[in-house]
């Protein structure tokens, strides 16, 4: 994949999104923050990053990073700290946010050419389809560390794309489609 191929497009096998549905999704996430505790919001986000880390750990590069973390003091101390303070138990009870989809959708709305029109017109009566919460799953320290690494790489690339300067090294999340399990609902390719 070259930097020129890295564009915001709908997955041809998924649901077509509109700028209005992307704005509605962003607004719904913001609106939900008034109804959940900060701990729940952060926990769900970290659980989502941990779930991403599990998927990325199935790739060659993610597996190498995870193995390296288990051999280092920081990895061992992190696991011990999380177990002692029950962070792993807390995150394992949280529904994971779809952090990668959210990041990609938010970038897509930033790149939408019709955003001004959508923001100027009142929302229509068409309901925006919503997804159900993902079930909670066991999340450990290493899952979150690998997930932060992958999400950070994706975030860096997204900001470069938004600035019109696509990165030449496109990040492990894109490689999931090549050597690991597929990422559901890819937006940027």
Protein backbone atom coordinates (compact mmCIF):
# COMPACT_ATOMS: atom_id res chain seq x y z
CA UNK A 1 0.00 0.00 0.00
CA UNK A 2 1.29 3.41 -0.86
CA UNK A 3 0.48 6.71 0.82
CA UNK A 4 -1.54 7.70 -2.26
CA UNK A 5 -3.88 4.74 -1.66
CA UNK A 6 -4.64 5.89 1.90
CA UNK A 7 -8.00 7.62 1.50
CA UNK A 8 -11.23 7.86 3.44
CA UNK A 9 -13.67 5.47 1.77
CA UNK A 10 -16.55 3.31 2.87
CA UNK A 11 -15.92 -0.39 3.09
CA UNK A 12 -17.70 -1.75 -0.01
CA UNK A 13 -19.01 -4.69 2.06
CA UNK A 14 -20.27 -2.53 4.93
CA UNK A 15 -22.97 0.08 5.42
CA UNK A 16 -22.59 3.24 3.39
CA UNK A 17 -22.10 6.21 5.67
CA UNK A 18 -23.10 9.76 5.07
CA UNK A 19 -21.66 12.91 6.53
CA UNK A 20 -24.93 13.33 8.44
CA UNK A 21 -24.66 9.86 10.00
CA UNK A 22 -21.02 10.50 10.95
CA UNK A 23 -21.96 13.81 12.62
CA UNK A 24 -24.88 12.11 14.38
CA UNK A 25 -22.59 9.35 15.64
CA UNK A 26 -20.08 11.87 16.97
CA UNK A 27 -22.87 13.90 18.62
CA UNK A 28 -24.35 10.76 20.18
CA UNK A 29 -21.00 9.82 21.72
CA UNK A 30 -20.64 13.33 23.12
CA UNK A 31 -24.21 13.29 24.40
CA UNK A 32 -23.75 9.94 26.11
CA UNK A 33 -20.95 11.38 28.24
CA UNK A 34 -23.56 13.23 30.29
CA UNK A 35 -25.15 9.91 31.29
CA UNK A 36 -22.14 7.79 32.23
CA UNK A 37 -19.45 8.25 34.81
CA UNK A 38 -15.97 9.29 33.79
CA UNK A 39 -14.74 5.91 35.00
CA UNK A 40 -17.18 4.09 32.73
CA UNK A 41 -16.26 6.24 29.74
CA UNK A 42 -12.52 5.78 30.28
CA UNK A 43 -12.96 2.10 31.12
CA UNK A 44 -14.91 1.43 27.95
CA UNK A 45 -12.32 3.28 25.88
CA UNK A 46 -9.42 1.39 27.48
CA UNK A 47 -11.28 -1.90 27.08
CA UNK A 48 -11.65 -1.03 23.38
CA UNK A 49 -7.94 -0.33 23.11
CA UNK A 50 -7.29 -3.65 24.87
CA UNK A 51 -9.58 -5.48 22.44
CA UNK A 52 -7.67 -3.87 19.57
CA UNK A 53 -4.43 -4.97 21.23
CA UNK A 54 -5.64 -8.57 21.31
CA UNK A 55 -6.37 -8.46 17.58
CA UNK A 56 -3.06 -6.78 16.78
CA UNK A 57 -1.24 -9.35 18.92
CA UNK A 58 -2.35 -11.96 16.37
CA UNK A 59 -0.16 -10.24 13.72
CA UNK A 60 3.54 -10.94 13.38
CA UNK A 61 4.55 -7.42 14.41
CA UNK A 62 2.06 -7.26 17.29
CA UNK A 63 3.14 -10.66 18.57
CA UNK A 64 6.80 -9.60 18.54
CA UNK A 65 5.94 -6.45 20.52
CA UNK A 66 3.86 -8.38 23.04
CA UNK A 67 6.64 -10.96 23.53
CA UNK A 68 9.21 -8.18 23.99
CA UNK A 69 7.01 -6.52 26.64
CA UNK A 70 6.77 -9.78 28.60
CA UNK A 71 10.58 -9.95 28.74
CA UNK A 72 11.07 -6.42 30.07
CA UNK A 73 10.68 -4.98 33.55
CA UNK A 74 7.99 -2.53 32.43
CA UNK A 75 5.80 -5.34 31.08
CA UNK A 76 6.18 -7.47 34.19
CA UNK A 77 5.66 -4.52 36.54
CA UNK A 78 2.63 -3.38 34.56
CA UNK A 79 1.02 -6.80 34.78
CA UNK A 80 1.74 -7.05 38.52
CA UNK A 81 0.37 -3.54 39.15
CA UNK A 82 -2.79 -4.18 37.17
CA UNK A 83 -3.45 -7.48 38.94
CA UNK A 84 -2.77 -6.03 42.41
CA UNK A 85 -5.04 -3.03 41.81
CA UNK A 86 -7.65 -5.13 39.94
CA UNK A 87 -7.41 -2.95 36.82
CA UNK A 88 -7.65 -6.10 34.70
CA UNK A 89 -10.86 -7.10 36.51
CA UNK A 90 -12.33 -3.61 36.07
CA UNK A 91 -11.57 -3.43 32.34
CA UNK A 92 -12.71 -7.00 31.77
CA UNK A 93 -16.19 -5.95 32.92
CA UNK A 94 -16.42 -2.97 30.57
CA UNK A 95 -18.00 -3.08 27.10
CA UNK A 96 -15.17 -2.19 24.72
CA UNK A 97 -15.64 0.89 22.57
CA UNK A 98 -15.01 0.49 18.87
CA UNK A 99 -11.98 2.78 19.15
CA UNK A 100 -10.63 2.15 15.67
CA UNK A 101 -14.00 2.66 13.98
CA UNK A 102 -14.56 5.82 16.03
CA UNK A 103 -11.16 7.20 15.06
CA UNK A 104 -11.67 6.41 11.39
CA UNK A 105 -15.22 7.79 11.35
CA UNK A 106 -14.10 10.98 13.06
CA UNK A 107 -11.37 11.44 10.48
CA UNK A 108 -13.86 10.78 7.68
CA UNK A 109 -16.15 13.56 8.96
CA UNK A 110 -13.16 15.92 9.08
CA UNK A 111 -12.45 15.12 5.44
CA UNK A 112 -16.11 15.39 4.32
CA UNK A 113 -16.57 17.98 1.59
CA UNK A 114 -20.23 18.57 2.53
CA UNK A 115 -19.78 19.11 6.28
CA UNK A 116 -20.77 22.80 6.12
CA UNK A 117 -24.06 21.88 4.42
CA UNK A 118 -24.81 19.15 6.94
CA UNK A 119 -24.11 21.42 9.92
CA UNK A 120 -26.31 24.20 8.48
CA UNK A 121 -29.37 22.01 7.87
CA UNK A 122 -31.52 20.56 10.63
CA UNK A 123 -31.27 16.81 11.11
CA UNK A 124 -33.77 14.85 9.05
CA UNK A 125 -36.23 12.33 10.37
CA UNK A 126 -34.09 9.42 9.23
CA UNK A 127 -32.84 7.55 12.22
CA UNK A 128 -29.14 6.81 12.40
CA UNK A 129 -28.57 3.08 12.82
CA UNK A 130 -26.91 2.29 16.10
CA UNK A 131 -24.79 -0.65 17.10
CA UNK A 132 -25.26 -2.68 20.22
CA UNK A 133 -22.55 -2.64 22.85
CA UNK A 134 -19.85 -5.21 22.36
CA UNK A 135 -19.78 -7.84 25.10
CA UNK A 136 -17.16 -7.44 27.80
CA UNK A 137 -14.08 -9.62 27.40
CA UNK A 138 -10.98 -10.32 29.50
CA UNK A 139 -8.53 -7.45 29.07
CA UNK A 140 -5.01 -7.48 30.48
CA UNK A 141 -2.13 -5.05 30.71
CA UNK A 142 -0.37 -6.40 27.62
CA UNK A 143 -3.58 -6.15 25.59
CA UNK A 144 -3.82 -2.44 26.42
CA UNK A 145 -0.11 -1.80 25.77
CA UNK A 146 -0.21 -3.41 22.32
CA UNK A 147 -3.53 -1.68 21.62
CA UNK A 148 -2.12 1.72 22.59
CA UNK A 149 0.80 1.15 20.27
CA UNK A 150 -1.45 0.21 17.33
CA UNK A 151 -4.03 2.93 18.06
CA UNK A 152 -1.25 5.51 18.39
CA UNK A 153 0.18 4.56 15.03
CA UNK A 154 -3.27 4.78 13.47
CA UNK A 155 -3.88 8.15 15.14
CA UNK A 156 -0.57 9.55 13.89
CA UNK A 157 -1.34 8.46 10.35
CA UNK A 158 -4.89 9.87 10.57
CA UNK A 159 -3.60 13.28 11.64
CA UNK A 160 -1.05 13.25 8.81
CA UNK A 161 -3.81 12.39 6.32
CA UNK A 162 -6.00 15.20 7.71
CA UNK A 163 -3.07 17.57 7.21
CA UNK A 164 -2.67 16.36 3.62
CA UNK A 165 0.60 14.63 4.42
CA UNK A 166 0.05 10.86 4.40
CA UNK A 167 2.71 8.87 6.19
CA UNK A 168 4.98 6.62 4.22
CA UNK A 169 4.83 3.94 6.93
CA UNK A 170 1.19 3.15 7.31
CA UNK A 171 0.93 1.32 10.64
CA UNK A 172 0.16 -2.14 11.89
CA UNK A 173 -3.62 -1.76 11.87
CA UNK A 174 -3.63 -1.75 8.07
CA UNK A 175 -1.40 -4.84 8.08
CA UNK A 176 -4.12 -6.75 9.95
CA UNK A 177 -5.85 -7.30 6.63
CA UNK A 178 -2.66 -8.86 5.24
CA UNK A 179 -1.33 -11.16 7.96
CA UNK A 180 -3.93 -11.30 10.70
CA UNK A 181 -7.62 -11.26 11.49
CA UNK A 182 -9.63 -8.64 9.60
CA UNK A 183 -10.58 -5.36 11.25
CA UNK A 184 -14.36 -4.98 11.11
CA UNK A 185 -15.55 -1.97 9.13
CA UNK A 186 -12.29 -0.56 7.80
CA UNK A 187 -12.57 3.00 6.59
CA UNK A 188 -9.06 4.07 5.72
CA UNK A 189 -7.16 1.96 3.29
